[in-house]
Amino acid sequence: IKYFEKCFPGHGRDYGYVLPALKKASQAAGRPIRSLEDRGAIIFLDYRFATTYCRRFLPRWIRRDVKVLPDEDGVIARELRFFFRERNM
């Protein structure tokens, strides 16, 4: 972070920490999708992915369909049932 801050003042944390982490998360998120027919639900279980700051670093294909859910019991299960039912899986 110090190196990047020296090279790019004001962006050391972005280039040294945030971007590499979000790049790895994006790569991992894409692994279930291998063909046009494949479908998969990607769940980021960290509140930071919902922040404007982090979302701007995510690829468009992820940002386009992000849905932030409330932290309540059963919400993810209901969303997954709906997601796969709507896609006839």
PDB file of N, CA and C in Angstrom:
ATOM      1  N   ILE A   1       0.839  -1.185   0.000  1.00  0.00           N
ATOM      2  CA  ILE A   1       0.000   0.000   0.000  1.00  0.00           C
ATOM      3  C   ILE A   1       0.884   1.248   0.000  1.00  0.00           C
ATOM      4  N   LYS A   2       1.963   1.212   0.785  1.00  0.00           N
ATOM      5  CA  LYS A   2       2.861   2.368   0.836  1.00  0.00           C
ATOM      6  C   LYS A   2       3.489   2.632  -0.530  1.00  0.00           C
ATOM      7  N   TYR A   3       3.888   1.563  -1.215  1.00  0.00           N
ATOM      8  CA  TYR A   3       4.489   1.707  -2.538  1.00  0.00           C
ATOM      9  C   TYR A   3       3.502   2.365  -3.512  1.00  0.00           C
ATOM     10  N   PHE A   4       2.284   1.853  -3.560  1.00  0.00           N
ATOM     11  CA  PHE A   4       1.293   2.409  -4.474  1.00  0.00           C
ATOM     12  C   PHE A   4       0.909   3.837  -4.079  1.00  0.00           C
ATOM     13  N   GLU A   5       0.881   4.114  -2.800  1.00  0.00           N
ATOM     14  CA  GLU A   5       0.573   5.469  -2.350  1.00  0.00           C
ATOM     15  C   GLU A   5       1.659   6.436  -2.811  1.00  0.00           C
ATOM     16  N   LYS A   6       2.891   5.966  -2.789  1.00  0.00           N
ATOM     17  CA  LYS A   6       4.007   6.800  -3.252  1.00  0.00           C
ATOM     18  C   LYS A   6       3.906   7.048  -4.766  1.00  0.00           C
ATOM     19  N   CYS A   7       3.550   6.004  -5.518  1.00  0.00           N
ATOM     20  CA  CYS A   7       3.438   6.119  -6.982  1.00  0.00           C
ATOM     21  C   CYS A   7       2.156   6.818  -7.417  1.00  0.00           C
ATOM     22  N   PHE A   8       1.073   6.573  -6.686  1.00  0.00           N
ATOM     23  CA  PHE A   8      -0.250   7.105  -7.045  1.00  0.00           C
ATOM     24  C   PHE A   8      -0.895   7.725  -5.801  1.00  0.00           C
ATOM     25  N   PRO A   9      -0.470   8.925  -5.435  1.00  0.00           N
ATOM     26  CA  PRO A   9      -0.980   9.543  -4.202  1.00  0.00           C
ATOM     27  C   PRO A   9      -2.517   9.541  -4.127  1.00  0.00           C
ATOM     28  N   GLY A  10      -2.991   9.110  -2.984  1.00  0.00           N
ATOM     29  CA  GLY A  10      -4.433   9.054  -2.756  1.00  0.00           C
ATOM     30  C   GLY A  10      -5.087   7.762  -3.210  1.00  0.00           C
ATOM     31  N   HIS A  11      -4.308   6.869  -3.844  1.00  0.00           N
ATOM     32  CA  HIS A  11      -4.881   5.621  -4.362  1.00  0.00           C
ATOM     33  C   HIS A  11      -4.118   4.376  -3.914  1.00  0.00           C
ATOM     34  N   GLY A  12      -3.236   4.517  -2.957  1.00  0.00           N
ATOM     35  CA  GLY A  12      -2.429   3.381  -2.505  1.00  0.00           C
ATOM     36  C   GLY A  12      -3.263   2.218  -2.002  1.00  0.00           C
ATOM     37  N   ARG A  13      -4.260   2.503  -1.199  1.00  0.00           N
ATOM     38  CA  ARG A  13      -5.131   1.439  -0.669  1.00  0.00           C
ATOM     39  C   ARG A  13      -5.931   0.777  -1.789  1.00  0.00           C
ATOM     40  N   ASP A  14      -6.422   1.580  -2.736  1.00  0.00           N
ATOM     41  CA  ASP A  14      -7.184   1.027  -3.859  1.00  0.00           C
ATOM     42  C   ASP A  14      -6.332   0.040  -4.661  1.00  0.00           C
ATOM     43  N   TYR A  15      -5.155   0.474  -5.068  1.00  0.00           N
ATOM     44  CA  TYR A  15      -4.312  -0.344  -5.942  1.00  0.00           C
ATOM     45  C   TYR A  15      -3.608  -1.491  -5.212  1.00  0.00           C
ATOM     46  N   GLY A  16      -3.303  -1.297  -3.942  1.00  0.00           N
ATOM     47  CA  GLY A  16      -2.560  -2.319  -3.210  1.00  0.00           C
ATOM     48  C   GLY A  16      -3.414  -3.322  -2.459  1.00  0.00           C
ATOM     49  N   TYR A  17      -4.659  -2.982  -2.197  1.00  0.00           N
ATOM     50  CA  TYR A  17      -5.498  -3.837  -1.351  1.00  0.00           C
ATOM     51  C   TYR A  17      -6.867  -4.117  -1.968  1.00  0.00           C
ATOM     52  N   VAL A  18      -7.610  -3.061  -2.266  1.00  0.00           N
ATOM     53  CA  VAL A  18      -8.994  -3.225  -2.712  1.00  0.00           C
ATOM     54  C   VAL A  18      -9.088  -3.872  -4.087  1.00  0.00           C
ATOM     55  N   LEU A  19      -8.392  -3.327  -5.074  1.00  0.00           N
ATOM     56  CA  LEU A  19      -8.478  -3.879  -6.431  1.00  0.00           C
ATOM     57  C   LEU A  19      -8.047  -5.340  -6.514  1.00  0.00           C
ATOM     58  N   PRO A  20      -6.907  -5.726  -5.929  1.00  0.00           N
ATOM     59  CA  PRO A  20      -6.550  -7.155  -5.991  1.00  0.00           C
ATOM     60  C   PRO A  20      -7.601  -8.058  -5.323  1.00  0.00           C
ATOM     61  N   ALA A  21      -8.162  -7.620  -4.198  1.00  0.00           N
ATOM     62  CA  ALA A  21      -9.168  -8.433  -3.505  1.00  0.00           C
ATOM     63  C   ALA A  21     -10.437  -8.585  -4.341  1.00  0.00           C
ATOM     64  N   LEU A  22     -10.899  -7.497  -4.934  1.00  0.00           N
ATOM     65  CA  LEU A  22     -12.116  -7.557  -5.729  1.00  0.00           C
ATOM     66  C   LEU A  22     -11.900  -8.287  -7.050  1.00  0.00           C
ATOM     67  N   LYS A  23     -10.699  -8.211  -7.585  1.00  0.00           N
ATOM     68  CA  LYS A  23     -10.379  -8.975  -8.797  1.00  0.00           C
ATOM     69  C   LYS A  23     -10.461 -10.474  -8.508  1.00  0.00           C
ATOM     70  N   LYS A  24      -9.902 -10.891  -7.387  1.00  0.00           N
ATOM     71  CA  LYS A  24      -9.960 -12.316  -7.015  1.00  0.00           C
ATOM     72  C   LYS A  24     -11.398 -12.759  -6.738  1.00  0.00           C
ATOM     73  N   ALA A  25     -12.177 -11.907  -6.086  1.00  0.00           N
ATOM     74  CA  ALA A  25     -13.576 -12.242  -5.817  1.00  0.00           C
ATOM     75  C   ALA A  25     -14.356 -12.365  -7.120  1.00  0.00           C
ATOM     76  N   SER A  26     -14.087 -11.477  -8.077  1.00  0.00           N
ATOM     77  CA  SER A  26     -14.768 -11.519  -9.375  1.00  0.00           C
ATOM     78  C   SER A  26     -14.396 -12.778 -10.151  1.00  0.00           C
ATOM     79  N   GLN A  27     -13.120 -13.134 -10.112  1.00  0.00           N
ATOM     80  CA  GLN A  27     -12.678 -14.352 -10.793  1.00  0.00           C
ATOM     81  C   GLN A  27     -13.352 -15.582 -10.183  1.00  0.00           C
ATOM     82  N   ALA A  28     -13.408 -15.629  -8.872  1.00  0.00           N
ATOM     83  CA  ALA A  28     -14.051 -16.766  -8.199  1.00  0.00           C
ATOM     84  C   ALA A  28     -15.550 -16.794  -8.520  1.00  0.00           C
ATOM     85  N   ALA A  29     -16.170 -15.626  -8.594  1.00  0.00           N
ATOM     86  CA  ALA A  29     -17.603 -15.550  -8.883  1.00  0.00           C
ATOM     87  C   ALA A  29     -17.911 -16.096 -10.273  1.00  0.00           C
ATOM     88  N   GLY A  30     -17.008 -15.946 -11.203  1.00  0.00           N
ATOM     89  CA  GLY A  30     -17.239 -16.412 -12.563  1.00  0.00           C
ATOM     90  C   GLY A  30     -17.004 -17.884 -12.783  1.00  0.00           C
ATOM     91  N   ARG A  31     -16.433 -18.568 -11.834  1.00  0.00           N
ATOM     92  CA  ARG A  31     -16.106 -19.984 -12.021  1.00  0.00           C
ATOM     93  C   ARG A  31     -17.305 -20.901 -12.261  1.00  0.00           C
ATOM     94  N   PRO A  32     -18.462 -20.667 -11.655  1.00  0.00           N
ATOM     95  CA  PRO A  32     -19.596 -21.575 -11.923  1.00  0.00           C
ATOM     96  C   PRO A  32     -20.150 -21.452 -13.340  1.00  0.00           C
ATOM     97  N   ILE A  33     -19.856 -20.354 -14.008  1.00  0.00           N
ATOM     98  CA  ILE A  33     -20.405 -20.100 -15.338  1.00  0.00           C
ATOM     99  C   ILE A  33     -19.364 -20.492 -16.386  1.00  0.00           C
ATOM    100  N   ARG A  34     -19.657 -21.578 -17.117  1.00  0.00           N
ATOM    101  CA  ARG A  34     -18.698 -22.051 -18.111  1.00  0.00           C
ATOM    102  C   ARG A  34     -19.253 -22.020 -19.530  1.00  0.00           C
ATOM    103  N   SER A  35     -20.552 -21.906 -19.684  1.00  0.00           N
ATOM    104  CA  SER A  35     -21.144 -21.833 -21.019  1.00  0.00           C
ATOM    105  C   SER A  35     -22.369 -20.928 -20.952  1.00  0.00           C
ATOM    106  N   LEU A  36     -22.919 -20.613 -22.111  1.00  0.00           N
ATOM    107  CA  LEU A  36     -24.098 -19.743 -22.150  1.00  0.00           C
ATOM    108  C   LEU A  36     -25.314 -20.374 -21.479  1.00  0.00           C
ATOM    109  N   GLU A  37     -25.340 -21.685 -21.407  1.00  0.00           N
ATOM    110  CA  GLU A  37     -26.482 -22.379 -20.797  1.00  0.00           C
ATOM    111  C   GLU A  37     -26.351 -22.508 -19.284  1.00  0.00           C
ATOM    112  N   ASP A  38     -25.165 -22.316 -18.748  1.00  0.00           N
ATOM    113  CA  ASP A  38     -24.938 -22.458 -17.309  1.00  0.00           C
ATOM    114  C   ASP A  38     -25.603 -21.329 -16.540  1.00  0.00           C
ATOM    115  N   ARG A  39     -26.100 -21.639 -15.372  1.00  0.00           N
ATOM    116  CA  ARG A  39     -26.685 -20.645 -14.472  1.00  0.00           C
ATOM    117  C   ARG A  39     -26.121 -20.898 -13.079  1.00  0.00           C
ATOM    118  N   GLY A  40     -25.905 -19.836 -12.363  1.00  0.00           N
ATOM    119  CA  GLY A  40     -25.406 -19.964 -11.006  1.00  0.00           C
ATOM    120  C   GLY A  40     -25.709 -18.705 -10.218  1.00  0.00           C
ATOM    121  N   ALA A  41     -25.914 -18.872  -8.951  1.00  0.00           N
ATOM    122  CA  ALA A  41     -26.132 -17.741  -8.058  1.00  0.00           C
ATOM    123  C   ALA A  41     -24.808 -17.439  -7.367  1.00  0.00           C
ATOM    124  N   ILE A  42     -24.451 -16.196  -7.350  1.00  0.00           N
ATOM    125  CA  ILE A  42     -23.218 -15.759  -6.703  1.00  0.00           C
ATOM    126  C   ILE A  42     -23.622 -14.965  -5.471  1.00  0.00           C
ATOM    127  N   ILE A  43     -23.106 -15.388  -4.332  1.00  0.00           N
ATOM    128  CA  ILE A  43     -23.486 -14.737  -3.082  1.00  0.00           C
ATOM    129  C   ILE A  43     -22.232 -14.182  -2.416  1.00  0.00           C
ATOM    130  N   PHE A  44     -22.169 -12.873  -2.281  1.00  0.00           N
ATOM    131  CA  PHE A  44     -21.096 -12.217  -1.546  1.00  0.00           C
ATOM    132  C   PHE A  44     -21.625 -11.974  -0.134  1.00  0.00           C
ATOM    133  N   LEU A  45     -21.045 -12.627   0.837  1.00  0.00           N
ATOM    134  CA  LEU A  45     -21.565 -12.532   2.207  1.00  0.00           C
ATOM    135  C   LEU A  45     -20.828 -11.497   3.056  1.00  0.00           C
ATOM    136  N   ASP A  46     -20.432 -10.422   2.431  1.00  0.00           N
ATOM    137  CA  ASP A  46     -19.747  -9.358   3.146  1.00  0.00           C
ATOM    138  C   ASP A  46     -20.423  -8.043   2.781  1.00  0.00           C
ATOM    139  N   TYR A  47     -20.781  -7.276   3.766  1.00  0.00           N
ATOM    140  CA  TYR A  47     -21.506  -6.024   3.538  1.00  0.00           C
ATOM    141  C   TYR A  47     -20.743  -5.060   2.629  1.00  0.00           C
ATOM    142  N   ARG A  48     -19.412  -5.186   2.566  1.00  0.00           N
ATOM    143  CA  ARG A  48     -18.623  -4.238   1.767  1.00  0.00           C
ATOM    144  C   ARG A  48     -18.933  -4.327   0.276  1.00  0.00           C
ATOM    145  N   PHE A  49     -19.367  -5.501  -0.187  1.00  0.00           N
ATOM    146  CA  PHE A  49     -19.710  -5.632  -1.605  1.00  0.00           C
ATOM    147  C   PHE A  49     -20.925  -4.778  -1.973  1.00  0.00           C
ATOM    148  N   ALA A  50     -21.712  -4.388  -1.006  1.00  0.00           N
ATOM    149  CA  ALA A  50     -22.900  -3.566  -1.264  1.00  0.00           C
ATOM    150  C   ALA A  50     -22.576  -2.077  -1.268  1.00  0.00           C
ATOM    151  N   THR A  51     -21.376  -1.722  -0.838  1.00  0.00           N
ATOM    152  CA  THR A  51     -21.029  -0.299  -0.793  1.00  0.00           C
ATOM    153  C   THR A  51     -20.720   0.224  -2.187  1.00  0.00           C
ATOM    154  N   THR A  52     -21.023   1.478  -2.393  1.00  0.00           N
ATOM    155  CA  THR A  52     -20.733   2.120  -3.677  1.00  0.00           C
ATOM    156  C   THR A  52     -19.235   2.066  -3.960  1.00  0.00           C
ATOM    157  N   TYR A  53     -18.444   2.250  -2.937  1.00  0.00           N
ATOM    158  CA  TYR A  53     -16.988   2.238  -3.081  1.00  0.00           C
ATOM    159  C   TYR A  53     -16.500   0.925  -3.700  1.00  0.00           C
ATOM    160  N   CYS A  54     -16.910  -0.199  -3.143  1.00  0.00           N
ATOM    161  CA  CYS A  54     -16.447  -1.497  -3.658  1.00  0.00           C
ATOM    162  C   CYS A  54     -17.138  -1.883  -4.962  1.00  0.00           C
ATOM    163  N   ARG A  55     -18.402  -1.588  -5.080  1.00  0.00           N
ATOM    164  CA  ARG A  55     -19.135  -1.982  -6.291  1.00  0.00           C
ATOM    165  C   ARG A  55     -18.562  -1.361  -7.551  1.00  0.00           C
ATOM    166  N   ARG A  56     -17.990  -0.172  -7.445  1.00  0.00           N
ATOM    167  CA  ARG A  56     -17.451   0.470  -8.640  1.00  0.00           C
ATOM    168  C   ARG A  56     -16.246  -0.269  -9.200  1.00  0.00           C
ATOM    169  N   PHE A  57     -15.614  -1.118  -8.396  1.00  0.00           N
ATOM    170  CA  PHE A  57     -14.465  -1.895  -8.848  1.00  0.00           C
ATOM    171  C   PHE A  57     -14.858  -3.266  -9.403  1.00  0.00           C
ATOM    172  N   LEU A  58     -16.113  -3.649  -9.243  1.00  0.00           N
ATOM    173  CA  LEU A  58     -16.569  -4.940  -9.753  1.00  0.00           C
ATOM    174  C   LEU A  58     -16.874  -4.840 -11.244  1.00  0.00           C
ATOM    175  N   PRO A  59     -16.724  -5.947 -11.969  1.00  0.00           N
ATOM    176  CA  PRO A  59     -17.047  -5.912 -13.399  1.00  0.00           C
ATOM    177  C   PRO A  59     -18.534  -5.630 -13.632  1.00  0.00           C
ATOM    178  N   ARG A  60     -18.844  -5.088 -14.786  1.00  0.00           N
ATOM    179  CA  ARG A  60     -20.221  -4.708 -15.123  1.00  0.00           C
ATOM    180  C   ARG A  60     -21.172  -5.894 -15.028  1.00  0.00           C
ATOM    181  N   TRP A  61     -20.725  -7.085 -15.453  1.00  0.00           N
ATOM    182  CA  TRP A  61     -21.625  -8.238 -15.439  1.00  0.00           C
ATOM    183  C   TRP A  61     -22.049  -8.601 -14.023  1.00  0.00           C
ATOM    184  N   ILE A  62     -21.277  -8.218 -13.036  1.00  0.00           N
ATOM    185  CA  ILE A  62     -21.682  -8.451 -11.642  1.00  0.00           C
ATOM    186  C   ILE A  62     -22.514  -7.259 -11.154  1.00  0.00           C
ATOM    187  N   ARG A  63     -22.026  -6.059 -11.368  1.00  0.00           N
ATOM    188  CA  ARG A  63     -22.746  -4.850 -10.904  1.00  0.00           C
ATOM    189  C   ARG A  63     -24.164  -4.785 -11.426  1.00  0.00           C
ATOM    190  N   ARG A  64     -24.341  -5.207 -12.658  1.00  0.00           N
ATOM    191  CA  ARG A  64     -25.651  -5.096 -13.320  1.00  0.00           C
ATOM    192  C   ARG A  64     -26.757  -5.834 -12.557  1.00  0.00           C
ATOM    193  N   ASP A  65     -26.439  -6.968 -11.963  1.00  0.00           N
ATOM    194  CA  ASP A  65     -27.479  -7.794 -11.334  1.00  0.00           C
ATOM    195  C   ASP A  65     -27.342  -7.945  -9.824  1.00  0.00           C
ATOM    196  N   VAL A  66     -26.538  -7.113  -9.197  1.00  0.00           N
ATOM    197  CA  VAL A  66     -26.372  -7.215  -7.745  1.00  0.00           C
ATOM    198  C   VAL A  66     -27.687  -6.885  -7.058  1.00  0.00           C
ATOM    199  N   LYS A  67     -28.025  -7.701  -6.109  1.00  0.00           N
ATOM    200  CA  LYS A  67     -29.232  -7.481  -5.316  1.00  0.00           C
ATOM    201  C   LYS A  67     -28.818  -7.543  -3.846  1.00  0.00           C
ATOM    202  N   VAL A  68     -28.978  -6.456  -3.148  1.00  0.00           N
ATOM    203  CA  VAL A  68     -28.616  -6.398  -1.732  1.00  0.00           C
ATOM    204  C   VAL A  68     -29.817  -6.849  -0.921  1.00  0.00           C
ATOM    205  N   LEU A  69     -29.584  -7.828  -0.053  1.00  0.00           N
ATOM    206  CA  LEU A  69     -30.669  -8.402   0.753  1.00  0.00           C
ATOM    207  C   LEU A  69     -30.526  -8.001   2.215  1.00  0.00           C
ATOM    208  N   PRO A  70     -31.628  -7.930   2.933  1.00  0.00           N
ATOM    209  CA  PRO A  70     -31.543  -7.632   4.361  1.00  0.00           C
ATOM    210  C   PRO A  70     -30.935  -8.813   5.116  1.00  0.00           C
ATOM    211  N   ASP A  71     -30.320  -8.511   6.231  1.00  0.00           N
ATOM    212  CA  ASP A  71     -29.697  -9.536   7.072  1.00  0.00           C
ATOM    213  C   ASP A  71     -30.770 -10.149   7.981  1.00  0.00           C
ATOM    214  N   GLU A  72     -31.560 -11.044   7.391  1.00  0.00           N
ATOM    215  CA  GLU A  72     -32.649 -11.700   8.126  1.00  0.00           C
ATOM    216  C   GLU A  72     -32.639 -13.190   7.818  1.00  0.00           C
ATOM    217  N   ASP A  73     -33.090 -13.989   8.754  1.00  0.00           N
ATOM    218  CA  ASP A  73     -33.150 -15.439   8.567  1.00  0.00           C
ATOM    219  C   ASP A  73     -34.030 -15.800   7.370  1.00  0.00           C
ATOM    220  N   GLY A  74     -33.538 -16.713   6.547  1.00  0.00           N
ATOM    221  CA  GLY A  74     -34.320 -17.262   5.459  1.00  0.00           C
ATOM    222  C   GLY A  74     -34.347 -16.454   4.173  1.00  0.00           C
ATOM    223  N   VAL A  75     -33.817 -15.247   4.182  1.00  0.00           N
ATOM    224  CA  VAL A  75     -33.894 -14.384   2.992  1.00  0.00           C
ATOM    225  C   VAL A  75     -33.106 -14.968   1.828  1.00  0.00           C
ATOM    226  N   ILE A  76     -31.909 -15.431   2.090  1.00  0.00           N
ATOM    227  CA  ILE A  76     -31.085 -15.991   1.012  1.00  0.00           C
ATOM    228  C   ILE A  76     -31.733 -17.251   0.445  1.00  0.00           C
ATOM    229  N   ALA A  77     -32.252 -18.108   1.300  1.00  0.00           N
ATOM    230  CA  ALA A  77     -32.907 -19.336   0.832  1.00  0.00           C
ATOM    231  C   ALA A  77     -34.102 -19.006  -0.065  1.00  0.00           C
ATOM    232  N   ARG A  78     -34.911 -18.037   0.337  1.00  0.00           N
ATOM    233  CA  ARG A  78     -36.062 -17.643  -0.489  1.00  0.00           C
ATOM    234  C   ARG A  78     -35.613 -17.095  -1.834  1.00  0.00           C
ATOM    235  N   GLU A  79     -34.599 -16.263  -1.840  1.00  0.00           N
ATOM    236  CA  GLU A  79     -34.095 -15.690  -3.089  1.00  0.00           C
ATOM    237  C   GLU A  79     -33.533 -16.773  -4.010  1.00  0.00           C
ATOM    238  N   LEU A  80     -32.829 -17.744  -3.437  1.00  0.00           N
ATOM    239  CA  LEU A  80     -32.279 -18.827  -4.261  1.00  0.00           C
ATOM    240  C   LEU A  80     -33.383 -19.684  -4.865  1.00  0.00           C
ATOM    241  N   ARG A  81     -34.417 -19.985  -4.075  1.00  0.00           N
ATOM    242  CA  ARG A  81     -35.544 -20.748  -4.624  1.00  0.00           C
ATOM    243  C   ARG A  81     -36.187 -19.991  -5.784  1.00  0.00           C
ATOM    244  N   PHE A  82     -36.392 -18.717  -5.599  1.00  0.00           N
ATOM    245  CA  PHE A  82     -36.982 -17.890  -6.654  1.00  0.00           C
ATOM    246  C   PHE A  82     -36.060 -17.831  -7.873  1.00  0.00           C
ATOM    247  N   PHE A  83     -34.786 -17.622  -7.644  1.00  0.00           N
ATOM    248  CA  PHE A  83     -33.803 -17.521  -8.727  1.00  0.00           C
ATOM    249  C   PHE A  83     -33.810 -18.768  -9.601  1.00  0.00           C
ATOM    250  N   PHE A  84     -33.737 -19.931  -8.980  1.00  0.00           N
ATOM    251  CA  PHE A  84     -33.667 -21.160  -9.765  1.00  0.00           C
ATOM    252  C   PHE A  84     -35.026 -21.561 -10.341  1.00  0.00           C
ATOM    253  N   ARG A  85     -36.117 -21.250  -9.669  1.00  0.00           N
ATOM    254  CA  ARG A  85     -37.441 -21.532 -10.194  1.00  0.00           C
ATOM    255  C   ARG A  85     -37.702 -20.698 -11.444  1.00  0.00           C
ATOM    256  N   GLU A  86     -37.325 -19.427 -11.407  1.00  0.00           N
ATOM    257  CA  GLU A  86     -37.524 -18.533 -12.547  1.00  0.00           C
ATOM    258  C   GLU A  86     -36.710 -18.984 -13.759  1.00  0.00           C
ATOM    259  N   ARG A  87     -35.651 -19.694 -13.536  1.00  0.00           N
ATOM    260  CA  ARG A  87     -34.812 -20.145 -14.629  1.00  0.00           C
ATOM    261  C   ARG A  87     -35.047 -21.611 -14.983  1.00  0.00           C
ATOM    262  N   ASN A  88     -36.167 -22.138 -14.478  1.00  0.00           N
ATOM    263  CA  ASN A  88     -36.587 -23.530 -14.770  1.00  0.00           C
ATOM    264  C   ASN A  88     -35.501 -24.537 -14.466  1.00  0.00           C
ATOM    265  N   MET A  89     -34.931 -24.431 -13.280  1.00  0.00           N
ATOM    266  CA  MET A  89     -33.871 -25.383 -12.926  1.00  0.00           C
ATOM    267  C   MET A  89     -34.390 -26.404 -11.979  1.00  0.00           C
TER     268      MET A  89
END
